[in-house]
Structures are given as structure tokens and as C-alpha cells.
Amino acid sequence: MRLVVLPQLIRIALPGLSNLWLILLKDTALVSAIGLPDIIRQAYIAARVTQEAFLFFGLATLIYLVLAVISSFGIGAIERSVQQQDARR
């Protein structure tokens, strides 16, 4: 049953799961990743202490961008894998 239902489930559920993952990345702190509000808050604290706002907000932007791009590539790889498995059947 697992070999029949799971591939069908992944193919149908993957677009919704990828959207939810990116929303969670933007709005909340996860166990394995830092959310955008947390990055911005830490950058604001560091910029206020050192008076170098551009440096810290630029770094926060790069950190968030890297997290989002890595997530996007990972989700894209999973989607391609599922599509290839569907094409073989």
C-alpha cells in the first residue's frame, strides 16, 4: 500500500506543501531555519548598537535570500523527481 499511495500523495500534495513551507519561512521561526521577522529584529538590534544599519540589514537580506533560494531549489528537485517517476509509469 505504501508503494502505491505515497507516490500519488506526493504528486498531489507537493505544490501546497511547498507554498506552506515558504510561508512558514517568511513568517515564523522553525527549528531548522530562522524566520524573516527574527532576522530583521536581530539586524535592527545590531544596527542600533553599532550605527551601521546598511551593513546589518543587507546581511539580513542576504541570509533570508539564501534560505529562500535553497528551499526553492530543494522543492524544485523534489518536484522534478516526482515528475520523472510519473513519466516512467
Protein backbone atom coordinates (compact mmCIF):
# COMPACT_ATOMS: atom_id res chain seq x y z
CA MET A 1 0.00 0.00 0.00
CA ARG A 2 2.84 2.39 0.82
CA LEU A 3 4.38 1.93 -2.63
CA VAL A 4 1.07 2.71 -4.33
CA VAL A 5 -0.42 5.52 -2.22
CA LEU A 6 2.69 7.53 -1.26
CA PRO A 7 3.81 8.44 -4.83
CA GLN A 8 0.27 9.55 -5.67
CA LEU A 9 0.07 11.54 -2.46
CA ILE A 10 3.36 13.36 -3.04
CA ARG A 11 2.43 14.30 -6.60
CA ILE A 12 -0.85 15.87 -5.46
CA ALA A 13 0.29 17.42 -2.17
CA LEU A 14 3.68 18.83 -3.17
CA PRO A 15 2.55 22.22 -4.58
CA GLY A 16 0.56 23.02 -1.45
CA LEU A 17 3.33 21.84 0.84
CA SER A 18 5.91 23.97 -0.97
CA ASN A 19 3.69 27.05 -0.61
CA LEU A 20 3.23 26.38 3.10
CA TRP A 21 6.97 25.90 3.58
CA LEU A 22 7.76 29.28 2.01
CA ILE A 23 5.05 30.97 4.09
CA LEU A 24 6.49 29.43 7.26
CA LEU A 25 9.97 30.54 6.24
CA LYS A 26 8.74 34.10 5.83
CA ASP A 27 6.55 34.34 8.95
CA THR A 28 7.87 32.10 11.71
CA ALA A 29 10.99 30.67 13.24
CA LEU A 30 11.36 26.98 12.57
CA VAL A 31 13.57 24.50 14.35
CA SER A 32 15.98 24.30 11.41
CA ALA A 33 15.69 27.79 9.94
CA ILE A 34 15.30 31.34 11.12
CA GLY A 35 12.22 33.26 10.03
CA LEU A 36 12.33 36.70 8.42
CA PRO A 37 10.97 38.61 11.46
CA ASP A 38 13.71 37.11 13.66
CA ILE A 39 16.44 38.02 11.18
CA ILE A 40 15.15 41.60 10.87
CA ARG A 41 14.85 42.01 14.65
CA GLN A 42 18.43 40.86 15.22
CA ALA A 43 19.66 43.13 12.42
CA TYR A 44 17.81 46.07 13.98
CA ILE A 45 19.42 45.42 17.36
CA ALA A 46 22.90 45.13 15.83
CA ALA A 47 22.39 48.24 13.67
CA ARG A 48 21.20 50.28 16.65
CA VAL A 49 24.24 49.31 18.71
CA THR A 50 26.90 49.77 16.01
CA GLN A 51 25.27 52.56 13.96
CA GLU A 52 25.88 50.56 10.73
CA ALA A 53 22.31 49.89 9.62
CA PHE A 54 23.04 49.28 5.94
CA LEU A 55 25.57 46.55 6.69
CA PHE A 56 23.31 44.60 9.03
CA PHE A 57 20.09 44.97 7.04
CA GLY A 58 21.98 43.99 3.89
CA LEU A 59 23.36 40.93 5.64
CA ALA A 60 19.87 40.05 6.92
CA THR A 61 18.55 40.33 3.36
CA LEU A 62 21.26 38.02 2.07
CA ILE A 63 20.61 35.44 4.80
CA TYR A 64 16.90 35.40 4.03
CA LEU A 65 17.54 35.24 0.30
CA VAL A 66 19.89 32.27 0.73
CA LEU A 67 17.32 30.42 2.86
CA ALA A 68 14.55 31.06 0.32
CA VAL A 69 16.69 30.07 -2.70
CA ILE A 70 17.91 26.86 -1.06
CA SER A 71 14.32 25.97 -0.18
CA SER A 72 13.15 26.75 -3.71
CA PHE A 73 15.86 24.59 -5.29
CA GLY A 74 15.14 21.74 -2.88
CA ILE A 75 11.41 21.83 -3.60
CA GLY A 76 12.11 22.05 -7.34
CA ALA A 77 14.35 18.98 -7.17
CA ILE A 78 11.66 17.02 -5.36
CA GLU A 79 9.05 18.09 -7.94
CA ARG A 80 11.32 17.04 -10.84
CA SER A 81 11.94 13.69 -9.18
CA VAL A 82 8.22 13.08 -8.78
CA GLN A 83 7.54 14.09 -12.39
CA GLN A 84 10.23 11.70 -13.66
CA GLN A 85 8.75 8.86 -11.65
CA ASP A 86 5.31 9.62 -13.09
CA ALA A 87 6.71 9.70 -16.63
CA ARG A 88 8.25 6.23 -16.19
CA ARG A 89 4.88 4.74 -15.25
